[in-house]
Amino acid sequence: MIRIKCPYCGERDHSEFTYGGDASIQYPSLDGTEKEWVEAIFFRKNIFGKQLETWHHANGCRMWLEVERSTTTHEIYSVKPCHPEMKKVLEKKDPNDL
């Protein structure tokens, strides 16, 4: 069983999340060639060890998270919001500062 520490909700079972895929993929621009898009979508590395992944807290706060996880042991090394501005919001201590 995998336990993911959501920055907003705290530690939760992985069954509350949906797997979003490899977070290290660099997608081409919208006007990229068909070949670039085919390579980005269908040709992936099978990573052995630490991998950056996206997970959606579907049955919780609904936040998208970037999780650094071992594909061999499922150990989680870090969890952070995918959207860079969310980190700033979560670090604020006073909700009136928003």
N, C-alpha and C. Protein backbone atom coordinates (compact mmCIF):
# COMPACT_ATOMS: atom_id res chain seq x y z
N MET A 1 0.84 -1.17 0.00
CA MET A 1 0.00 0.00 0.00
C MET A 1 0.89 1.24 0.00
N ILE A 2 0.51 2.22 -0.78
CA ILE A 2 1.24 3.47 -0.85
C ILE A 2 0.48 4.52 -0.05
N ARG A 3 1.20 5.28 0.75
CA ARG A 3 0.63 6.40 1.50
C ARG A 3 1.24 7.68 0.93
N ILE A 4 0.39 8.61 0.52
CA ILE A 4 0.84 9.86 -0.08
C ILE A 4 0.49 11.00 0.86
N LYS A 5 1.47 11.83 1.18
CA LYS A 5 1.24 12.96 2.08
C LYS A 5 0.82 14.17 1.27
N CYS A 6 -0.48 14.40 1.20
CA CYS A 6 -1.01 15.55 0.48
C CYS A 6 -0.65 16.82 1.27
N PRO A 7 -0.12 17.86 0.61
CA PRO A 7 0.25 19.08 1.33
C PRO A 7 -0.94 19.77 2.00
N TYR A 8 -2.13 19.50 1.54
CA TYR A 8 -3.33 20.15 2.11
C TYR A 8 -4.06 19.24 3.08
N CYS A 9 -4.23 17.95 2.74
CA CYS A 9 -5.06 17.03 3.54
C CYS A 9 -4.27 16.15 4.50
N GLY A 10 -2.95 16.08 4.33
CA GLY A 10 -2.16 15.19 5.16
C GLY A 10 -1.99 13.82 4.50
N GLU A 11 -1.46 12.88 5.27
CA GLU A 11 -1.17 11.55 4.72
C GLU A 11 -2.46 10.79 4.45
N ARG A 12 -2.54 10.22 3.23
CA ARG A 12 -3.74 9.50 2.81
C ARG A 12 -3.34 8.24 2.04
N ASP A 13 -4.26 7.28 1.98
CA ASP A 13 -4.06 6.06 1.22
C ASP A 13 -4.08 6.37 -0.27
N HIS A 14 -3.30 5.63 -1.05
CA HIS A 14 -3.23 5.89 -2.49
C HIS A 14 -4.57 5.69 -3.20
N SER A 15 -5.50 4.98 -2.58
CA SER A 15 -6.80 4.75 -3.21
C SER A 15 -7.61 6.04 -3.35
N GLU A 16 -7.22 7.12 -2.63
CA GLU A 16 -7.88 8.42 -2.77
C GLU A 16 -7.38 9.18 -3.99
N PHE A 17 -6.31 8.69 -4.62
CA PHE A 17 -5.64 9.39 -5.71
C PHE A 17 -5.80 8.63 -7.01
N THR A 18 -5.66 9.35 -8.11
CA THR A 18 -5.54 8.71 -9.42
C THR A 18 -4.17 9.07 -9.98
N TYR A 19 -3.55 8.09 -10.62
CA TYR A 19 -2.21 8.26 -11.19
C TYR A 19 -2.32 9.08 -12.47
N GLY A 20 -1.50 10.11 -12.58
CA GLY A 20 -1.54 10.97 -13.75
C GLY A 20 -0.46 10.71 -14.77
N GLY A 21 0.59 10.01 -14.38
CA GLY A 21 1.64 9.69 -15.34
C GLY A 21 2.99 10.29 -14.98
N ASP A 22 3.92 10.12 -15.89
CA ASP A 22 5.29 10.58 -15.73
C ASP A 22 5.33 12.11 -15.78
N ALA A 23 5.82 12.73 -14.72
CA ALA A 23 5.85 14.20 -14.64
C ALA A 23 7.05 14.81 -15.34
N SER A 24 7.97 14.00 -15.81
CA SER A 24 9.17 14.55 -16.44
C SER A 24 9.02 14.72 -17.95
N ILE A 25 7.88 14.33 -18.51
CA ILE A 25 7.69 14.41 -19.96
C ILE A 25 7.60 15.88 -20.39
N GLN A 26 8.35 16.20 -21.42
CA GLN A 26 8.30 17.53 -22.01
C GLN A 26 7.46 17.45 -23.28
N TYR A 27 6.25 17.98 -23.22
CA TYR A 27 5.36 17.94 -24.38
C TYR A 27 5.75 19.02 -25.38
N PRO A 28 5.56 18.75 -26.68
CA PRO A 28 5.86 19.77 -27.69
C PRO A 28 4.83 20.90 -27.65
N SER A 29 5.14 21.98 -28.34
CA SER A 29 4.18 23.08 -28.41
C SER A 29 2.95 22.60 -29.17
N LEU A 30 1.85 23.32 -29.03
CA LEU A 30 0.60 22.91 -29.68
C LEU A 30 0.72 22.82 -31.19
N ASP A 31 1.63 23.58 -31.76
CA ASP A 31 1.82 23.51 -33.21
C ASP A 31 2.98 22.58 -33.59
N GLY A 32 3.37 21.70 -32.65
CA GLY A 32 4.45 20.74 -32.91
C GLY A 32 4.04 19.75 -33.99
N THR A 33 5.02 19.07 -34.53
CA THR A 33 4.76 18.10 -35.59
C THR A 33 4.07 16.86 -35.04
N GLU A 34 3.47 16.10 -35.93
CA GLU A 34 2.83 14.84 -35.53
C GLU A 34 3.86 13.89 -34.92
N LYS A 35 5.05 13.86 -35.51
CA LYS A 35 6.12 12.98 -35.00
C LYS A 35 6.49 13.36 -33.57
N GLU A 36 6.62 14.66 -33.28
CA GLU A 36 6.95 15.10 -31.92
C GLU A 36 5.88 14.67 -30.92
N TRP A 37 4.62 14.81 -31.31
CA TRP A 37 3.52 14.42 -30.42
C TRP A 37 3.46 12.91 -30.22
N VAL A 38 3.67 12.15 -31.27
CA VAL A 38 3.66 10.69 -31.15
C VAL A 38 4.77 10.24 -30.20
N GLU A 39 5.95 10.81 -30.35
CA GLU A 39 7.07 10.44 -29.47
C GLU A 39 6.79 10.82 -28.02
N ALA A 40 6.20 11.99 -27.78
CA ALA A 40 5.93 12.45 -26.41
C ALA A 40 4.85 11.60 -25.74
N ILE A 41 3.87 11.15 -26.51
CA ILE A 41 2.75 10.43 -25.91
C ILE A 41 2.99 8.93 -25.81
N PHE A 42 3.59 8.32 -26.84
CA PHE A 42 3.65 6.87 -26.89
C PHE A 42 5.02 6.26 -26.58
N PHE A 43 6.09 7.02 -26.66
CA PHE A 43 7.41 6.47 -26.42
C PHE A 43 7.93 6.96 -25.07
N ARG A 44 7.82 6.09 -24.07
CA ARG A 44 8.20 6.45 -22.71
C ARG A 44 9.33 5.56 -22.21
N LYS A 45 10.09 6.09 -21.29
CA LYS A 45 11.13 5.30 -20.64
C LYS A 45 10.49 4.47 -19.54
N ASN A 46 10.98 3.27 -19.34
CA ASN A 46 10.55 2.42 -18.24
C ASN A 46 11.57 2.61 -17.12
N ILE A 47 11.32 3.58 -16.26
CA ILE A 47 12.30 4.01 -15.26
C ILE A 47 12.39 2.98 -14.13
N PHE A 48 13.62 2.63 -13.78
CA PHE A 48 13.90 1.73 -12.68
C PHE A 48 14.53 2.57 -11.57
N GLY A 49 13.75 2.89 -10.54
CA GLY A 49 14.25 3.73 -9.45
C GLY A 49 13.38 4.96 -9.28
N LYS A 50 14.01 6.08 -8.92
CA LYS A 50 13.26 7.32 -8.66
C LYS A 50 12.64 7.87 -9.93
N GLN A 51 11.37 8.26 -9.81
CA GLN A 51 10.65 8.83 -10.95
C GLN A 51 9.75 9.95 -10.45
N LEU A 52 9.62 11.01 -11.24
CA LEU A 52 8.65 12.07 -10.94
C LEU A 52 7.33 11.69 -11.59
N GLU A 53 6.25 11.74 -10.80
CA GLU A 53 4.93 11.36 -11.28
C GLU A 53 3.91 12.42 -10.90
N THR A 54 2.81 12.46 -11.62
CA THR A 54 1.70 13.31 -11.22
C THR A 54 0.60 12.41 -10.65
N TRP A 55 -0.01 12.89 -9.58
CA TRP A 55 -1.12 12.19 -8.94
C TRP A 55 -2.21 13.23 -8.66
N HIS A 56 -3.46 12.84 -8.86
CA HIS A 56 -4.60 13.73 -8.62
C HIS A 56 -5.32 13.24 -7.37
N HIS A 57 -5.48 14.13 -6.38
CA HIS A 57 -6.18 13.75 -5.15
C HIS A 57 -7.69 13.84 -5.42
N ALA A 58 -8.17 12.89 -6.17
CA ALA A 58 -9.55 12.87 -6.68
C ALA A 58 -10.58 12.77 -5.56
N ASN A 59 -10.29 11.99 -4.53
CA ASN A 59 -11.24 11.81 -3.42
C ASN A 59 -10.83 12.61 -2.20
N GLY A 60 -10.26 13.77 -2.44
CA GLY A 60 -9.83 14.65 -1.37
C GLY A 60 -9.96 16.09 -1.82
N CYS A 61 -8.87 16.82 -1.78
CA CYS A 61 -8.87 18.25 -2.13
C CYS A 61 -8.88 18.51 -3.63
N ARG A 62 -8.72 17.46 -4.45
CA ARG A 62 -8.72 17.52 -5.92
C ARG A 62 -7.48 18.24 -6.48
N MET A 63 -6.45 18.39 -5.67
CA MET A 63 -5.22 19.04 -6.11
C MET A 63 -4.36 18.05 -6.91
N TRP A 64 -3.68 18.57 -7.95
CA TRP A 64 -2.71 17.78 -8.68
C TRP A 64 -1.36 17.92 -7.98
N LEU A 65 -0.70 16.77 -7.76
CA LEU A 65 0.56 16.74 -7.04
C LEU A 65 1.67 16.14 -7.89
N GLU A 66 2.89 16.61 -7.65
CA GLU A 66 4.07 16.01 -8.24
C GLU A 66 4.74 15.17 -7.14
N VAL A 67 4.82 13.87 -7.38
CA VAL A 67 5.33 12.93 -6.39
C VAL A 67 6.62 12.32 -6.92
N GLU A 68 7.68 12.35 -6.11
CA GLU A 68 8.91 11.65 -6.45
C GLU A 68 8.86 10.32 -5.72
N ARG A 69 8.81 9.21 -6.51
CA ARG A 69 8.58 7.89 -5.95
C ARG A 69 9.51 6.88 -6.59
N SER A 70 9.92 5.88 -5.81
CA SER A 70 10.72 4.79 -6.34
C SER A 70 9.80 3.78 -7.02
N THR A 71 10.10 3.45 -8.26
CA THR A 71 9.29 2.45 -8.97
C THR A 71 9.59 1.03 -8.51
N THR A 72 10.66 0.85 -7.74
CA THR A 72 11.01 -0.48 -7.26
C THR A 72 10.51 -0.76 -5.85
N THR A 73 10.55 0.24 -4.98
CA THR A 73 10.14 0.03 -3.58
C THR A 73 8.86 0.77 -3.22
N HIS A 74 8.41 1.67 -4.07
CA HIS A 74 7.25 2.55 -3.84
C HIS A 74 7.48 3.57 -2.73
N GLU A 75 8.72 3.71 -2.28
CA GLU A 75 9.03 4.73 -1.28
C GLU A 75 8.82 6.11 -1.90
N ILE A 76 8.19 7.01 -1.13
CA ILE A 76 7.94 8.36 -1.61
C ILE A 76 8.96 9.29 -0.98
N TYR A 77 9.65 10.07 -1.83
CA TYR A 77 10.71 10.97 -1.38
C TYR A 77 10.23 12.40 -1.22
N SER A 78 9.30 12.84 -2.07
CA SER A 78 8.79 14.21 -1.96
C SER A 78 7.42 14.30 -2.61
N VAL A 79 6.64 15.26 -2.12
CA VAL A 79 5.32 15.55 -2.67
C VAL A 79 5.16 17.07 -2.67
N LYS A 80 4.74 17.62 -3.81
CA LYS A 80 4.50 19.06 -3.87
C LYS A 80 3.39 19.33 -4.88
N PRO A 81 2.73 20.47 -4.76
CA PRO A 81 1.69 20.80 -5.75
C PRO A 81 2.29 20.96 -7.14
N CYS A 82 1.57 20.54 -8.16
CA CYS A 82 2.05 20.70 -9.54
C CYS A 82 2.08 22.17 -9.94
N HIS A 83 1.10 22.91 -9.51
CA HIS A 83 1.03 24.33 -9.88
C HIS A 83 1.97 25.11 -8.98
N PRO A 84 2.94 25.84 -9.55
CA PRO A 84 3.95 26.52 -8.72
C PRO A 84 3.36 27.54 -7.76
N GLU A 85 2.26 28.18 -8.10
CA GLU A 85 1.67 29.19 -7.21
C GLU A 85 0.99 28.57 -5.99
N MET A 86 0.58 27.30 -6.08
CA MET A 86 -0.08 26.64 -4.95
C MET A 86 0.87 26.51 -3.76
N LYS A 87 2.15 26.32 -4.02
CA LYS A 87 3.12 26.21 -2.93
C LYS A 87 3.12 27.48 -2.11
N LYS A 88 3.06 28.64 -2.77
CA LYS A 88 3.03 29.92 -2.06
C LYS A 88 1.76 30.03 -1.22
N VAL A 89 0.64 29.61 -1.76
CA VAL A 89 -0.63 29.68 -1.03
C VAL A 89 -0.59 28.79 0.20
N LEU A 90 -0.05 27.58 0.05
CA LEU A 90 -0.01 26.64 1.17
C LEU A 90 0.95 27.08 2.27
N GLU A 91 1.97 27.86 1.91
CA GLU A 91 2.94 28.32 2.91
C GLU A 91 2.43 29.49 3.74
N LYS A 92 1.40 30.18 3.30
CA LYS A 92 0.87 31.32 4.04
C LYS A 92 0.23 30.83 5.33
N LYS A 93 0.53 31.51 6.41
CA LYS A 93 0.01 31.10 7.71
C LYS A 93 -1.37 31.71 8.00
N ASP A 94 -1.60 32.91 7.54
CA ASP A 94 -2.84 33.62 7.80
C ASP A 94 -3.73 33.54 6.56
N PRO A 95 -4.92 32.90 6.65
CA PRO A 95 -5.79 32.81 5.47
C PRO A 95 -6.23 34.16 4.94
N ASN A 96 -6.14 35.22 5.76
CA ASN A 96 -6.53 36.57 5.30
C ASN A 96 -5.49 37.16 4.37
N ASP A 97 -4.27 36.54 4.29
CA ASP A 97 -3.23 37.03 3.39
C ASP A 97 -3.50 36.67 1.95
N LEU A 98 -4.45 35.79 1.70
CA LEU A 98 -4.74 35.36 0.34
C LEU A 98 -5.39 36.50 -0.37
